[in-house]
Amino acid sequence: MFPEIELMISKLVLNFNSISSARKLQLDELACHLKLALSSSNKLNLLFVCTHNSRRSHMGQLWGRLAANYYKVENANSFSAGTEVTELNSNVIDMLQNNGFMVSTIQNVLNPAYVIEFGVNQSLTCFSKLIDHEANPRRDFFALMMCTEAEANCPFVAGAIHRFGLPFDDPKAYDYTLKVSDAYLSTFEEIGVQILYLFNQIKHENN
């Protein structure tokens, strides 16, 4: 991974104590299910879901890839989707570019596709899409609901092994304010701490 991203991760893994006890119990329960899936099928598919697939779900997808790489959890794949299609928000792109990621546009349309690079030959392609889009798994995946609205509007996710609610506050509340950069980075790091903790538990339980 790029040095700036490795440095970010090395700092975040020291902040597991910032996660509330209640959320740790949720993450521990999820880790048990993920460990079981890995042991039975040697494959792990995580689908991060939010209403618009524009902010938190993409952050979750990216952290899923970063955490799997950092803890060397093989065959762990991350995806994202929404209950509506919009686009990857420009504030997310700005935040990533300001923190060591390289972002390039590969499809300049109303809903652009972006390649997000986090290391040499390490990248993720992101664009807004529905849960049943062909880029996402159709079955045998875990649906992680990143916002309360998506959780309420999508009580059943077809093809999912399990559906877990892991909501985070929406940084959209700070759009067009002087706090927008800090808000997006704060949300990104909060999601990062928790996904890193999750993969730490998976790796620990697999040893």
C-alpha atoms as a PDB file:
ATOM      1  CA  MET A   1       0.000   0.000   0.000  1.00  0.00           C
ATOM      2  CA  PHE A   2       0.999   3.612  -0.425  1.00  0.00           C
ATOM      3  CA  PRO A   3       2.968   4.907   2.607  1.00  0.00           C
ATOM      4  CA  GLU A   4       0.396   7.542   3.610  1.00  0.00           C
ATOM      5  CA  ILE A   5      -2.352   4.928   3.692  1.00  0.00           C
ATOM      6  CA  GLU A   6      -0.202   2.484   5.675  1.00  0.00           C
ATOM      7  CA  LEU A   7       0.448   5.264   8.185  1.00  0.00           C
ATOM      8  CA  MET A   8      -3.277   5.972   8.510  1.00  0.00           C
ATOM      9  CA  ILE A   9      -3.997   2.293   9.165  1.00  0.00           C
ATOM     10  CA  SER A  10      -1.177   1.983  11.713  1.00  0.00           C
ATOM     11  CA  LYS A  11      -2.766   4.846  13.671  1.00  0.00           C
ATOM     12  CA  LEU A  12      -6.326   3.575  13.433  1.00  0.00           C
ATOM     13  CA  VAL A  13      -5.510   0.081  14.739  1.00  0.00           C
ATOM     14  CA  LEU A  14      -4.348   1.737  17.951  1.00  0.00           C
ATOM     15  CA  ASN A  15      -7.813   3.262  18.429  1.00  0.00           C
ATOM     16  CA  PHE A  16      -9.961   0.165  18.898  1.00  0.00           C
ATOM     17  CA  ASN A  17     -10.800   1.448  22.379  1.00  0.00           C
ATOM     18  CA  SER A  18     -12.721   4.294  20.708  1.00  0.00           C
ATOM     19  CA  ILE A  19     -15.402   1.787  19.629  1.00  0.00           C
ATOM     20  CA  SER A  20     -18.311   1.596  22.048  1.00  0.00           C
ATOM     21  CA  SER A  21     -18.916  -1.619  23.975  1.00  0.00           C
ATOM     22  CA  ALA A  22     -22.277  -2.074  22.285  1.00  0.00           C
ATOM     23  CA  ARG A  23     -20.790  -1.757  18.799  1.00  0.00           C
ATOM     24  CA  LYS A  24     -17.947  -4.131  19.694  1.00  0.00           C
ATOM     25  CA  LEU A  25     -20.516  -6.762  20.642  1.00  0.00           C
ATOM     26  CA  GLN A  26     -22.131  -6.318  17.220  1.00  0.00           C
ATOM     27  CA  LEU A  27     -18.791  -6.539  15.440  1.00  0.00           C
ATOM     28  CA  ASP A  28     -17.770  -9.600  17.477  1.00  0.00           C
ATOM     29  CA  GLU A  29     -21.013 -11.340  16.533  1.00  0.00           C
ATOM     30  CA  LEU A  30     -20.480 -10.452  12.880  1.00  0.00           C
ATOM     31  CA  ALA A  31     -16.875 -11.702  13.057  1.00  0.00           C
ATOM     32  CA  CYS A  32     -18.114 -15.102  14.249  1.00  0.00           C
ATOM     33  CA  HIS A  33     -20.427 -15.388  11.238  1.00  0.00           C
ATOM     34  CA  LEU A  34     -17.687 -14.283   8.842  1.00  0.00           C
ATOM     35  CA  LYS A  35     -15.222 -16.737  10.327  1.00  0.00           C
ATOM     36  CA  LEU A  36     -17.734 -19.538   9.848  1.00  0.00           C
ATOM     37  CA  ALA A  37     -18.262 -18.544   6.213  1.00  0.00           C
ATOM     38  CA  LEU A  38     -14.522 -18.506   5.571  1.00  0.00           C
ATOM     39  CA  SER A  39     -14.016 -21.904   7.172  1.00  0.00           C
ATOM     40  CA  SER A  40     -16.893 -23.524   5.279  1.00  0.00           C
ATOM     41  CA  SER A  41     -16.453 -22.020   1.814  1.00  0.00           C
ATOM     42  CA  ASN A  42     -12.999 -20.359   1.931  1.00  0.00           C
ATOM     43  CA  LYS A  43     -14.671 -17.227   0.539  1.00  0.00           C
ATOM     44  CA  LEU A  44     -16.085 -14.060   2.025  1.00  0.00           C
ATOM     45  CA  ASN A  45     -18.293 -11.543   0.218  1.00  0.00           C
ATOM     46  CA  LEU A  46     -19.268  -8.334   2.009  1.00  0.00           C
ATOM     47  CA  LEU A  47     -21.866  -5.994   0.493  1.00  0.00           C
ATOM     48  CA  PHE A  48     -21.934  -2.530   2.092  1.00  0.00           C
ATOM     49  CA  VAL A  49     -25.370  -0.959   1.604  1.00  0.00           C
ATOM     50  CA  CYS A  50     -26.577   2.613   2.037  1.00  0.00           C
ATOM     51  CA  THR A  51     -29.526   4.421   0.491  1.00  0.00           C
ATOM     52  CA  HIS A  52     -27.726   6.273  -2.327  1.00  0.00           C
ATOM     53  CA  ASN A  53     -24.465   4.305  -2.551  1.00  0.00           C
ATOM     54  CA  SER A  54     -22.666   7.638  -2.615  1.00  0.00           C
ATOM     55  CA  ARG A  55     -20.702   8.013   0.629  1.00  0.00           C
ATOM     56  CA  ARG A  56     -20.655   5.573   3.563  1.00  0.00           C
ATOM     57  CA  SER A  57     -21.203   2.401   1.555  1.00  0.00           C
ATOM     58  CA  HIS A  58     -18.230   3.212  -0.699  1.00  0.00           C
ATOM     59  CA  MET A  59     -16.121   4.000   2.376  1.00  0.00           C
ATOM     60  CA  GLY A  60     -17.102   0.632   3.822  1.00  0.00           C
ATOM     61  CA  GLN A  61     -16.272  -1.166   0.590  1.00  0.00           C
ATOM     62  CA  LEU A  62     -12.858   0.463   0.431  1.00  0.00           C
ATOM     63  CA  TRP A  63     -12.104  -0.309   4.076  1.00  0.00           C
ATOM     64  CA  GLY A  64     -13.144  -3.912   3.484  1.00  0.00           C
ATOM     65  CA  ARG A  65     -10.428  -4.196   0.861  1.00  0.00           C
ATOM     66  CA  LEU A  66      -7.846  -2.326   2.929  1.00  0.00           C
ATOM     67  CA  ALA A  67      -8.524  -4.380   6.070  1.00  0.00           C
ATOM     68  CA  ALA A  68      -8.401  -7.678   4.179  1.00  0.00           C
ATOM     69  CA  ASN A  69      -5.036  -6.681   2.689  1.00  0.00           C
ATOM     70  CA  TYR A  70      -3.661  -5.417   6.004  1.00  0.00           C
ATOM     71  CA  TYR A  71      -4.602  -8.560   7.947  1.00  0.00           C
ATOM     72  CA  LYS A  72      -3.945 -10.866   4.986  1.00  0.00           C
ATOM     73  CA  VAL A  73      -7.424 -12.379   5.045  1.00  0.00           C
ATOM     74  CA  GLU A  74      -7.490 -14.177   1.718  1.00  0.00           C
ATOM     75  CA  ASN A  75     -10.554 -14.504  -0.516  1.00  0.00           C
ATOM     76  CA  ALA A  76     -12.336 -11.611   1.189  1.00  0.00           C
ATOM     77  CA  ASN A  77     -14.195  -9.455  -1.340  1.00  0.00           C
ATOM     78  CA  SER A  78     -15.998  -6.168  -0.757  1.00  0.00           C
ATOM     79  CA  PHE A  79     -18.824  -4.600  -2.749  1.00  0.00           C
ATOM     80  CA  SER A  80     -21.236  -1.697  -2.309  1.00  0.00           C
ATOM     81  CA  ALA A  81     -24.769  -0.830  -3.352  1.00  0.00           C
ATOM     82  CA  GLY A  82     -27.751   1.389  -2.645  1.00  0.00           C
ATOM     83  CA  THR A  83     -31.522   1.256  -2.648  1.00  0.00           C
ATOM     84  CA  GLU A  84     -31.278   4.108  -5.180  1.00  0.00           C
ATOM     85  CA  VAL A  85     -28.667   5.045  -7.792  1.00  0.00           C
ATOM     86  CA  THR A  86     -26.990   8.448  -7.581  1.00  0.00           C
ATOM     87  CA  GLU A  87     -23.198   8.845  -7.884  1.00  0.00           C
ATOM     88  CA  LEU A  88     -20.041   8.627  -5.805  1.00  0.00           C
ATOM     89  CA  ASN A  89     -20.018  11.988  -4.040  1.00  0.00           C
ATOM     90  CA  SER A  90     -17.266  14.428  -4.995  1.00  0.00           C
ATOM     91  CA  ASN A  91     -16.484  15.139  -1.328  1.00  0.00           C
ATOM     92  CA  VAL A  92     -15.541  11.482  -0.873  1.00  0.00           C
ATOM     93  CA  ILE A  93     -13.217  11.723  -3.860  1.00  0.00           C
ATOM     94  CA  ASP A  94     -11.616  14.921  -2.532  1.00  0.00           C
ATOM     95  CA  MET A  95     -11.116  13.340   0.897  1.00  0.00           C
ATOM     96  CA  LEU A  96      -9.458  10.261  -0.596  1.00  0.00           C
ATOM     97  CA  GLN A  97      -7.141  12.292  -2.815  1.00  0.00           C
ATOM     98  CA  ASN A  98      -6.124  14.423   0.174  1.00  0.00           C
ATOM     99  CA  ASN A  99      -5.181  11.325   2.152  1.00  0.00           C
ATOM    100  CA  GLY A 100      -2.919   9.303  -0.105  1.00  0.00           C
ATOM    101  CA  PHE A 101      -5.310   7.666  -2.565  1.00  0.00           C
ATOM    102  CA  MET A 102      -5.092   8.116  -6.326  1.00  0.00           C
ATOM    103  CA  VAL A 103      -8.483   8.541  -8.015  1.00  0.00           C
ATOM    104  CA  SER A 104      -9.131   8.575 -11.751  1.00  0.00           C
ATOM    105  CA  THR A 105     -12.317   8.691 -13.806  1.00  0.00           C
ATOM    106  CA  ILE A 106     -12.802   5.858 -16.280  1.00  0.00           C
ATOM    107  CA  GLN A 107     -16.370   6.646 -17.353  1.00  0.00           C
ATOM    108  CA  ASN A 108     -17.369  10.301 -17.492  1.00  0.00           C
ATOM    109  CA  VAL A 109     -21.170  10.055 -17.440  1.00  0.00           C
ATOM    110  CA  LEU A 110     -23.963  11.120 -15.065  1.00  0.00           C
ATOM    111  CA  ASN A 111     -22.936   8.327 -12.681  1.00  0.00           C
ATOM    112  CA  PRO A 112     -19.159   8.124 -13.274  1.00  0.00           C
ATOM    113  CA  ALA A 113     -17.015   5.114 -12.509  1.00  0.00           C
ATOM    114  CA  TYR A 114     -13.784   5.808 -10.623  1.00  0.00           C
ATOM    115  CA  VAL A 115     -10.664   3.758 -10.058  1.00  0.00           C
ATOM    116  CA  ILE A 116      -9.366   4.261  -6.525  1.00  0.00           C
ATOM    117  CA  GLU A 117      -5.742   3.182  -6.165  1.00  0.00           C
ATOM    118  CA  PHE A 118      -4.301   2.484  -2.704  1.00  0.00           C
ATOM    119  CA  GLY A 119      -1.062   0.755  -3.703  1.00  0.00           C
ATOM    120  CA  VAL A 120       0.934  -0.547  -6.641  1.00  0.00           C
ATOM    121  CA  ASN A 121      -1.462  -2.756  -8.630  1.00  0.00           C
ATOM    122  CA  GLN A 122      -4.005  -2.364  -5.833  1.00  0.00           C
ATOM    123  CA  SER A 123      -7.244  -0.619  -6.745  1.00  0.00           C
ATOM    124  CA  LEU A 124     -11.005  -0.629  -6.504  1.00  0.00           C
ATOM    125  CA  THR A 125     -13.557   0.521  -9.086  1.00  0.00           C
ATOM    126  CA  CYS A 126     -16.459   2.458  -7.572  1.00  0.00           C
ATOM    127  CA  PHE A 127     -19.755   3.789  -8.925  1.00  0.00           C
ATOM    128  CA  SER A 128     -23.301   4.002  -7.591  1.00  0.00           C
ATOM    129  CA  LYS A 129     -25.381   0.884  -8.195  1.00  0.00           C
ATOM    130  CA  LEU A 130     -28.367  -1.097  -6.925  1.00  0.00           C
ATOM    131  CA  ILE A 131     -28.031  -4.220  -4.802  1.00  0.00           C
ATOM    132  CA  ASP A 132     -28.889  -6.511  -7.730  1.00  0.00           C
ATOM    133  CA  HIS A 133     -26.376  -4.916 -10.142  1.00  0.00           C
ATOM    134  CA  GLU A 134     -24.278  -7.437 -12.050  1.00  0.00           C
ATOM    135  CA  ALA A 135     -21.107  -6.130 -10.405  1.00  0.00           C
ATOM    136  CA  ASN A 136     -22.374  -7.400  -7.047  1.00  0.00           C
ATOM    137  CA  PRO A 137     -22.748 -10.984  -5.834  1.00  0.00           C
ATOM    138  CA  ARG A 138     -26.222 -12.458  -6.200  1.00  0.00           C
ATOM    139  CA  ARG A 139     -25.993 -14.931  -3.311  1.00  0.00           C
ATOM    140  CA  ASP A 140     -23.824 -16.094  -0.402  1.00  0.00           C
ATOM    141  CA  PHE A 141     -22.877 -12.609   0.777  1.00  0.00           C
ATOM    142  CA  PHE A 142     -23.214 -10.614   3.987  1.00  0.00           C
ATOM    143  CA  ALA A 143     -25.218  -7.389   3.716  1.00  0.00           C
ATOM    144  CA  LEU A 144     -23.878  -4.654   6.009  1.00  0.00           C
ATOM    145  CA  MET A 145     -26.384  -1.813   6.284  1.00  0.00           C
ATOM    146  CA  MET A 146     -24.427   1.424   6.718  1.00  0.00           C
ATOM    147  CA  CYS A 147     -27.355   3.771   7.362  1.00  0.00           C
ATOM    148  CA  THR A 148     -30.593   3.487   9.301  1.00  0.00           C
ATOM    149  CA  GLU A 149     -32.674   4.530   6.276  1.00  0.00           C
ATOM    150  CA  ALA A 150     -31.383   1.672   4.135  1.00  0.00           C
ATOM    151  CA  GLU A 151     -31.862  -0.709   7.048  1.00  0.00           C
ATOM    152  CA  ALA A 152     -35.476   0.384   7.442  1.00  0.00           C
ATOM    153  CA  ASN A 153     -36.239   0.393   3.706  1.00  0.00           C
ATOM    154  CA  CYS A 154     -34.507  -2.890   2.997  1.00  0.00           C
ATOM    155  CA  PRO A 155     -35.517  -5.365   5.733  1.00  0.00           C
ATOM    156  CA  PHE A 156     -34.788  -8.284   3.399  1.00  0.00           C
ATOM    157  CA  VAL A 157     -31.812  -8.531   1.046  1.00  0.00           C
ATOM    158  CA  ALA A 158     -32.240 -11.329  -1.489  1.00  0.00           C
ATOM    159  CA  GLY A 159     -29.303 -13.715  -1.620  1.00  0.00           C
ATOM    160  CA  ALA A 160     -27.718 -12.538   1.630  1.00  0.00           C
ATOM    161  CA  ILE A 161     -26.554 -15.109   4.166  1.00  0.00           C
ATOM    162  CA  HIS A 162     -27.061 -12.546   6.916  1.00  0.00           C
ATOM    163  CA  ARG A 163     -28.022  -8.889   7.137  1.00  0.00           C
ATOM    164  CA  PHE A 164     -26.386  -6.720   9.803  1.00  0.00           C
ATOM    165  CA  GLY A 165     -27.086  -3.113  10.781  1.00  0.00           C
ATOM    166  CA  LEU A 166     -23.897  -1.055  11.179  1.00  0.00           C
ATOM    167  CA  PRO A 167     -25.122   2.530  10.765  1.00  0.00           C
ATOM    168  CA  PHE A 168     -22.863   5.583  10.766  1.00  0.00           C
ATOM    169  CA  ASP A 169     -23.749   9.280  10.783  1.00  0.00           C
ATOM    170  CA  ASP A 170     -23.957  10.788   7.309  1.00  0.00           C
ATOM    171  CA  PRO A 171     -21.238  13.380   6.554  1.00  0.00           C
ATOM    172  CA  LYS A 172     -23.666  14.842   4.003  1.00  0.00           C
ATOM    173  CA  ALA A 173     -24.921  17.045   6.860  1.00  0.00           C
ATOM    174  CA  TYR A 174     -21.701  19.083   6.496  1.00  0.00           C
ATOM    175  CA  ASP A 175     -21.839  19.591   2.726  1.00  0.00           C
ATOM    176  CA  TYR A 176     -21.347  23.254   1.731  1.00  0.00           C
ATOM    177  CA  THR A 177     -19.913  24.130   5.162  1.00  0.00           C
ATOM    178  CA  LEU A 178     -16.402  24.933   6.353  1.00  0.00           C
ATOM    179  CA  LYS A 179     -16.354  21.601   8.215  1.00  0.00           C
ATOM    180  CA  VAL A 180     -16.922  19.412   5.171  1.00  0.00           C
ATOM    181  CA  SER A 181     -13.326  18.125   4.833  1.00  0.00           C
ATOM    182  CA  ASP A 182     -13.013  17.268   8.519  1.00  0.00           C
ATOM    183  CA  ALA A 183     -16.446  15.636   8.580  1.00  0.00           C
ATOM    184  CA  TYR A 184     -15.750  13.316   5.649  1.00  0.00           C
ATOM    185  CA  LEU A 185     -12.345  12.313   6.998  1.00  0.00           C
ATOM    186  CA  SER A 186     -13.829  11.715  10.457  1.00  0.00           C
ATOM    187  CA  THR A 187     -16.524   9.419   9.031  1.00  0.00           C
ATOM    188  CA  PHE A 188     -13.959   7.609   6.878  1.00  0.00           C
ATOM    189  CA  GLU A 189     -11.722   7.011   9.887  1.00  0.00           C
ATOM    190  CA  GLU A 190     -14.627   5.945  12.116  1.00  0.00           C
ATOM    191  CA  ILE A 191     -15.693   3.350   9.554  1.00  0.00           C
ATOM    192  CA  GLY A 192     -12.048   2.363   9.134  1.00  0.00           C
ATOM    193  CA  VAL A 193     -11.483   1.729  12.835  1.00  0.00           C
ATOM    194  CA  GLN A 194     -14.512  -0.538  13.012  1.00  0.00           C
ATOM    195  CA  ILE A 195     -13.812  -2.515   9.834  1.00  0.00           C
ATOM    196  CA  LEU A 196     -10.190  -2.952  10.895  1.00  0.00           C
ATOM    197  CA  TYR A 197     -11.392  -4.182  14.298  1.00  0.00           C
ATOM    198  CA  LEU A 198     -13.751  -6.605  12.534  1.00  0.00           C
ATOM    199  CA  PHE A 199     -10.963  -8.075  10.418  1.00  0.00           C
ATOM    200  CA  ASN A 200      -8.650  -8.191  13.408  1.00  0.00           C
ATOM    201  CA  GLN A 201     -11.235 -10.368  15.139  1.00  0.00           C
ATOM    202  CA  ILE A 202     -11.559 -12.591  12.075  1.00  0.00           C
ATOM    203  CA  LYS A 203      -7.783 -12.993  11.811  1.00  0.00           C
ATOM    204  CA  HIS A 204      -7.415 -13.564  15.549  1.00  0.00           C
ATOM    205  CA  GLU A 205     -10.123 -16.220  15.610  1.00  0.00           C
ATOM    206  CA  ASN A 206      -8.655 -17.945  12.566  1.00  0.00           C
ATOM    207  CA  ASN A 207      -5.237 -18.339  14.240  1.00  0.00           C
END
